[in-house]
Amino acid sequence: MRLVDQICKNVWITFRRCFGGEPAIPDRVAASGARYLHVLPAVALPESIDRRIKHALARREVISERYAMRYRSGFLINFGLGVVAVAAAAAALPLVLPEEFAHAYGWACTVLEAVCILCILFVYMLGREHAGAHRTSDAGRGARAHACTKRPFRAWLARHGLALDQAWRRKWVTNRVLTEQLRYAGLLLALPGGPVDVQPLSGAFLDKRFTDPFIDWYRGIAGAVPKTRVSAEGVTHYCAYSLAIIDQQRIYHAINAARCERIHHRLHRIAFRCFLATIAICLAHFFWHSPWLSFFAVMLPTVAAACHGIVSAGEFATLHQQSEEMCEELTVLRDQIAGIGANGEPGAEQLHNAIQAFYRLVTGEAAGWHVALRTKDIHAG
């Protein structure tokens, strides 16, 4: 499966680089927290706890990225193969190739079209979420195991890392939410006066399967964190730590907002120009008869439809707006925490409220991905 994951990663990164451009950090979100980095060791957690957090975070990040790459590249591959399949079908027609050439070698185009369609169906079957795939009960797991024993081909694929019905979208979103929760575990645990209680912060915007694993893990680790005395120096150091983390998030969302906006507009621009070119080709048919005009009259609308399909599946406009709003709200929170740190007084209650608001914000943003993409499973067409 490593080869498949590498292909998926290359497909997504190439697409993002071509359509989203290279990341650039706007001046308005410069890493202003960088000057506080020298005080971060002052709020360091015990080494054993820090190691547990890093281990859990690294593991979830790997899983989240794996399914993200599979899901994102899955719909790119399917739309791309759809364009190639139409091109192969159109090229096999005698009106494009010379008749004798089409009769002699048209079979190659037909084979290419069939291979593309089979690949599309295979990607769909790998990434889709089968009914009942999210069941975690013993009965649900038993039913899936029984289904595998009744279908030897499925069992053979599973043994080679190509199990069907992998639910790429759901597993990506689930692991991404958990990754975001783990990313800020150190911030929650190191709060002056004692760790933040995350149970009231989980909210009702996420299914319990998204929040319960982190809450259980957090409770087990919070009891081992030594409570720190609230002091002006401790609050100042913690505020500096918080500002550095918030600035990292502001940079990420500024880059993501700009990138998603560019992808959205570039794909729309390509689709619009394809339709304009198609109109020009239709007009040219009245004055110049060529099989290639017919070929491009078929292909250009196909490319435009693929572009619109990628825009719809990727929800780039929604994610752009979401990241823009995150930048604005993070800026407000940053100003609040910077003010608490500048006062030089142990404002533990204000800081506690600000950190709670930050945690709600970042977990809510992760939940936003779930809402935006919940109807965007991998499709065959």
Foldseek 3Di string as FASTA:
>chain_A
DVVVLVVLQVQVVVLLCVQLNDFDFDPVLPLPLPVLVVLQVVLDFPPVLVVVLVVVLVVLVVQLSSLVSLFLSLLVLLLVLVLLLLLLVLCLDCQAPPPVCSVVPNVVSVVSNVVSLVVLVLSQFQAAADVLNPDDDPVSVVVVVVVCVVPVVQVVCVVVVRHTNPNSLVSNLLSVLVSLLSVCLSLQQSQAQFGDQCVVLPDDLDDVSSPVVSNVVSVVSRVVTDHHHQALVSLLSSLSVVSSVLSVLLRVLVRLLSSLVSNLVVLQVQLVVLVVVLVVLVVCCVPDDGSVSVSSNSSSNSSSVSSVVSCLLVVSVVSSVLSVVSNVVSVVLNVQSVVSSVVSGRPSVSVSVSVSVVSSSSSVSSSSSCVSNVVNTRDSD
